């Protein structure tokens, strides 16, 4: 990433804070170009008030386990760049809850075969269709959901990349790495009804998680263990105050 020279007349705490935050995104694989997305985000932020962006649009996928901090990080990217955020839960929750009830399950079910086999595929399809509406308009978009199965499926990712490439849009996956204790803290704090089963069966739930999981394609990693990355984004917001 091209850092702003210290002698730059517009250089200051705002820009330095953003650059420092963006450095938290590290390559998840050796063939990942970490600087490309970092520079894209920085350029978009710099140009928000001047208009126009010479770079090709980007679909950013922010994935991670529940409570990893992915929604918070996605909002942070949106605040920097002005790119819209599409978050799976607020977009699909009303339909998901109604469908689960119609299928004879609980509206907050996220752990049974009914949800996994009959509801989840439609949930993600709705999210992707919303993203494609922006892709078709060449609008850079930040998409956030767990994407646990999707980011580890090379063929799924290739289909997405092909679909976006046909519209001149790049795909940039980001995986939020987090520890079990921090995820528990986030999930407990947000007190979402859909998380009730996880909290009540925490040991069983965490036994199904793979802390070493990472996307099967070139990607960036944000290390949010012990809440480090989200704490840093909060510091950036404090530096900016109302500038965001």
Protein backbone atom coordinates (compact mmCIF):
# COMPACT_ATOMS: atom_id res chain seq x y z
CA UNK A 1 0.00 0.00 0.00
CA UNK A 2 1.30 3.45 -0.90
CA UNK A 3 1.59 5.42 2.32
CA UNK A 4 0.99 9.15 2.26
CA UNK A 5 4.30 11.07 2.53
CA UNK A 6 4.75 12.75 5.89
CA UNK A 7 5.26 16.07 4.09
CA UNK A 8 1.90 15.79 2.29
CA UNK A 9 -0.07 18.95 3.04
CA UNK A 10 -3.29 17.01 3.68
CA UNK A 11 -1.59 14.36 5.80
CA UNK A 12 -2.91 14.15 9.34
CA UNK A 13 -4.38 11.95 12.03
CA UNK A 14 -7.39 11.01 9.88
CA UNK A 15 -5.37 9.57 7.01
CA UNK A 16 -2.75 7.94 9.20
CA UNK A 17 -5.45 6.25 11.28
CA UNK A 18 -7.08 4.82 8.17
CA UNK A 19 -3.77 3.56 6.79
CA UNK A 20 -2.94 1.93 10.12
CA UNK A 21 -6.32 0.21 10.24
CA UNK A 22 -6.01 -1.10 6.69
CA UNK A 23 -2.68 -2.73 7.52
CA UNK A 24 -4.62 -5.11 9.79
CA UNK A 25 -5.75 -6.94 6.64
CA UNK A 26 -3.05 -9.53 5.95
CA UNK A 27 -2.73 -12.12 3.17
CA UNK A 28 -4.41 -15.40 4.07
CA UNK A 29 -2.46 -17.25 1.36
CA UNK A 30 0.84 -16.61 -0.42
CA UNK A 31 -0.92 -15.85 -3.71
CA UNK A 32 -3.16 -13.16 -2.22
CA UNK A 33 -2.47 -9.59 -3.29
CA UNK A 34 -3.20 -7.87 0.01
CA UNK A 35 -2.12 -4.45 -1.19
CA UNK A 36 -4.65 -4.34 -4.02
CA UNK A 37 -7.77 -4.20 -1.83
CA UNK A 38 -6.06 -2.05 0.78
CA UNK A 39 -5.17 0.48 -1.89
CA UNK A 40 -8.67 0.28 -3.41
CA UNK A 41 -10.23 1.09 -0.04
CA UNK A 42 -7.79 3.91 0.63
CA UNK A 43 -8.30 5.38 -2.85
CA UNK A 44 -12.08 5.18 -2.50
CA UNK A 45 -11.91 6.94 0.85
CA UNK A 46 -9.68 9.70 -0.55
CA UNK A 47 -12.00 10.23 -3.52
CA UNK A 48 -15.29 10.22 -1.63
CA UNK A 49 -15.31 13.99 -1.48
CA UNK A 50 -13.83 14.62 -4.93
CA UNK A 51 -16.05 12.26 -6.91
CA UNK A 52 -15.10 9.48 -9.26
CA UNK A 53 -13.09 6.31 -8.81
CA UNK A 54 -10.82 5.14 -11.66
CA UNK A 55 -10.61 1.57 -10.34
CA UNK A 56 -12.89 -1.28 -11.38
CA UNK A 57 -15.77 -2.05 -8.99
CA UNK A 58 -15.21 -4.66 -6.28
CA UNK A 59 -17.49 -7.12 -4.49
CA UNK A 60 -15.99 -7.59 -1.03
CA UNK A 61 -17.07 -10.72 0.85
CA UNK A 62 -16.55 -10.42 4.61
CA UNK A 63 -16.95 -13.85 6.19
CA UNK A 64 -16.38 -15.46 9.57
CA UNK A 65 -18.08 -17.35 12.34
CA UNK A 66 -20.95 -15.88 14.35
CA UNK A 67 -19.64 -13.22 16.72
CA UNK A 68 -16.32 -12.84 14.93
CA UNK A 69 -16.93 -9.14 14.23
CA UNK A 70 -17.60 -9.41 10.50
CA UNK A 71 -20.63 -7.09 10.44
CA UNK A 72 -18.76 -4.44 12.40
CA UNK A 73 -15.76 -4.66 10.07
CA UNK A 74 -18.01 -4.55 7.00
CA UNK A 75 -19.64 -1.36 8.29
CA UNK A 76 -16.19 0.09 8.91
CA UNK A 77 -15.20 -0.57 5.28
CA UNK A 78 -18.44 1.02 4.12
CA UNK A 79 -17.81 4.12 6.22
CA UNK A 80 -14.34 4.46 4.71
CA UNK A 81 -15.32 3.91 1.09
CA UNK A 82 -18.98 4.84 0.79
CA UNK A 83 -19.67 1.39 -0.67
CA UNK A 84 -23.06 -0.07 0.34
CA UNK A 85 -23.22 -2.94 2.83
CA UNK A 86 -25.45 -5.96 2.29
CA UNK A 87 -25.69 -7.88 5.57
CA UNK A 88 -27.39 -11.28 5.42
CA UNK A 89 -29.26 -11.13 8.72
CA UNK A 90 -31.17 -7.84 8.36
CA UNK A 91 -31.85 -8.55 4.68
CA UNK A 92 -33.22 -12.07 5.06
CA UNK A 93 -34.30 -12.49 8.70
CA UNK A 94 -38.05 -11.71 8.33
CA UNK A 95 -38.43 -14.17 5.46
CA UNK A 96 -36.25 -16.78 7.16
CA UNK A 97 -38.27 -16.65 10.36
CA UNK A 98 -41.58 -16.91 8.50
CA UNK A 99 -40.32 -19.80 6.37
CA UNK A 100 -39.00 -21.71 9.38
CA UNK A 101 -42.36 -21.34 11.11
CA UNK A 102 -44.19 -22.53 8.00
CA UNK A 103 -41.92 -25.59 7.92
CA UNK A 104 -42.83 -26.44 11.51
CA UNK A 105 -39.61 -25.25 13.11
CA UNK A 106 -38.80 -22.40 15.49
CA UNK A 107 -38.24 -18.93 13.97
CA UNK A 108 -34.82 -18.72 15.63
CA UNK A 109 -33.67 -22.16 14.44
CA UNK A 110 -30.19 -21.98 12.94
CA UNK A 111 -28.95 -25.43 13.95
CA UNK A 112 -31.33 -28.12 12.66
CA UNK A 113 -31.48 -29.92 9.33
CA UNK A 114 -34.62 -27.96 8.49
CA UNK A 115 -32.65 -24.72 8.49
CA UNK A 116 -29.47 -26.13 6.94
CA UNK A 117 -31.15 -28.02 4.11
CA UNK A 118 -34.34 -26.10 3.32
CA UNK A 119 -33.81 -22.52 4.45
CA UNK A 120 -30.11 -21.65 4.37
CA UNK A 121 -29.68 -22.19 0.61
CA UNK A 122 -32.57 -19.80 -0.09
CA UNK A 123 -31.23 -17.32 2.46
CA UNK A 124 -27.89 -17.10 0.70
CA UNK A 125 -29.55 -17.05 -2.70
CA UNK A 126 -31.52 -13.95 -1.67
CA UNK A 127 -28.34 -12.28 -0.43
CA UNK A 128 -26.49 -13.05 -3.65
CA UNK A 129 -29.36 -11.81 -5.81
CA UNK A 130 -29.25 -8.50 -3.95
CA UNK A 131 -25.49 -8.35 -4.53
CA UNK A 132 -25.90 -9.13 -8.23
CA UNK A 133 -28.26 -6.17 -8.57
CA UNK A 134 -25.35 -3.95 -7.57
CA UNK A 135 -22.82 -5.93 -9.60
CA UNK A 136 -24.96 -5.48 -12.72
CA UNK A 137 -24.77 -1.72 -12.10
CA UNK A 138 -20.99 -1.86 -11.54
CA UNK A 139 -21.38 -0.71 -7.93
CA UNK A 140 -18.71 -1.75 -5.43
CA UNK A 141 -20.42 -3.55 -2.55
CA UNK A 142 -19.48 -4.99 0.83
CA UNK A 143 -21.28 -8.30 1.38
CA UNK A 144 -21.24 -9.88 4.85
CA UNK A 145 -22.40 -13.28 6.08
CA UNK A 146 -20.65 -16.27 7.66
CA UNK A 147 -19.91 -17.74 4.19
CA UNK A 148 -18.36 -20.74 5.98
CA UNK A 149 -19.42 -23.25 3.33
CA UNK A 150 -19.14 -20.86 0.41
CA UNK A 151 -15.63 -19.49 0.97
CA UNK A 152 -14.28 -23.01 1.39
CA UNK A 153 -15.89 -24.20 -1.85
CA UNK A 154 -13.54 -23.49 -4.77
CA UNK A 155 -16.23 -24.15 -7.38
CA UNK A 156 -18.73 -21.85 -5.66
CA UNK A 157 -16.15 -19.08 -5.51
CA UNK A 158 -15.21 -19.61 -9.16
CA UNK A 159 -18.84 -19.29 -10.23
CA UNK A 160 -19.14 -16.07 -8.27
CA UNK A 161 -15.90 -14.73 -9.75
CA UNK A 162 -17.05 -15.60 -13.28
CA UNK A 163 -20.43 -13.93 -12.73
CA UNK A 164 -18.76 -10.77 -11.47
CA UNK A 165 -15.98 -10.77 -14.07
CA UNK A 166 -18.61 -10.74 -16.81
CA UNK A 167 -19.65 -7.34 -15.46
CA UNK A 168 -16.10 -6.09 -14.93
CA UNK A 169 -16.30 -6.51 -11.16
CA UNK A 170 -13.54 -7.99 -8.98
CA UNK A 171 -14.20 -10.30 -6.02
CA UNK A 172 -12.20 -9.83 -2.80
CA UNK A 173 -12.82 -12.30 0.06
CA UNK A 174 -11.91 -11.28 3.62
CA UNK A 175 -11.95 -13.77 6.50
CA UNK A 176 -12.36 -12.48 10.06
CA UNK A 177 -10.25 -14.64 12.35
CA UNK A 178 -11.43 -14.72 15.95
CA UNK A 179 -11.03 -16.71 19.16
CA UNK A 180 -13.80 -18.57 20.97
CA UNK A 181 -13.88 -16.29 24.02
CA UNK A 182 -14.22 -13.13 21.93
CA UNK A 183 -16.99 -14.68 19.85
CA UNK A 184 -18.84 -15.61 23.04
CA UNK A 185 -18.48 -12.05 24.30
CA UNK A 186 -19.85 -10.56 21.06
CA UNK A 187 -22.74 -13.02 20.83
CA UNK A 188 -23.70 -12.48 24.47
CA UNK A 189 -23.55 -8.71 24.10
CA UNK A 190 -25.79 -8.49 21.03
CA UNK A 191 -28.42 -10.77 22.64
CA UNK A 192 -29.97 -11.78 19.32
CA UNK A 193 -32.77 -14.33 19.55
CA UNK A 194 -31.20 -16.36 16.75
CA UNK A 195 -28.16 -16.94 18.98
CA UNK A 196 -30.09 -18.41 21.92
CA UNK A 197 -29.33 -22.02 20.99
CA UNK A 198 -25.63 -21.27 20.58
CA UNK A 199 -25.39 -19.72 24.04
CA UNK A 200 -27.42 -22.46 25.70
CA UNK A 201 -25.33 -25.20 24.06
CA UNK A 202 -22.03 -23.36 23.83
CA UNK A 203 -19.75 -26.38 24.22
CA UNK A 204 -21.64 -28.35 21.58
CA UNK A 205 -21.68 -25.36 19.25
CA UNK A 206 -17.98 -24.55 19.55
CA UNK A 207 -17.08 -28.22 19.09
CA UNK A 208 -18.42 -27.87 15.55
CA UNK A 209 -16.15 -24.90 14.76
CA UNK A 210 -12.75 -25.12 13.13
CA UNK A 211 -10.56 -22.29 14.49
CA UNK A 212 -8.09 -22.88 11.65
CA UNK A 213 -10.72 -22.61 8.93
CA UNK A 214 -9.88 -20.26 6.08
CA UNK A 215 -11.14 -19.69 2.53
CA UNK A 216 -9.95 -22.09 -0.17
CA UNK A 217 -9.15 -19.21 -2.53
CA UNK A 218 -6.79 -16.21 -2.34
CA UNK A 219 -8.11 -13.99 0.44
CA UNK A 220 -7.27 -11.46 3.12
CA UNK A 221 -7.36 -12.18 6.85
CA UNK A 222 -8.31 -9.74 9.60
CA UNK A 223 -7.00 -10.98 12.95
CA UNK A 224 -9.73 -10.09 15.43
CA UNK A 225 -8.56 -12.41 18.18
CA UNK A 226 -9.14 -10.75 21.54
CA UNK A 227 -11.15 -8.13 19.65
CA UNK A 228 -7.99 -6.43 18.38
CA UNK A 229 -9.19 -5.42 14.91
CA UNK A 230 -12.58 -4.11 16.02
CA UNK A 231 -10.91 -2.19 18.81
CA UNK A 232 -8.68 -0.56 16.20
CA UNK A 233 -11.64 0.41 14.01
CA UNK A 234 -13.24 2.02 17.06
CA UNK A 235 -10.04 4.01 17.58
CA UNK A 236 -10.20 5.22 13.98
CA UNK A 237 -13.81 6.33 14.49
CA UNK A 238 -12.76 8.27 17.57
CA UNK A 239 -10.02 10.01 15.59
CA UNK A 240 -12.56 10.99 12.96
CA UNK A 241 -15.31 11.99 15.35
CA UNK A 242 -18.18 13.16 13.16
CA UNK A 243 -16.08 13.21 9.97
CA UNK A 244 -17.38 9.74 9.03
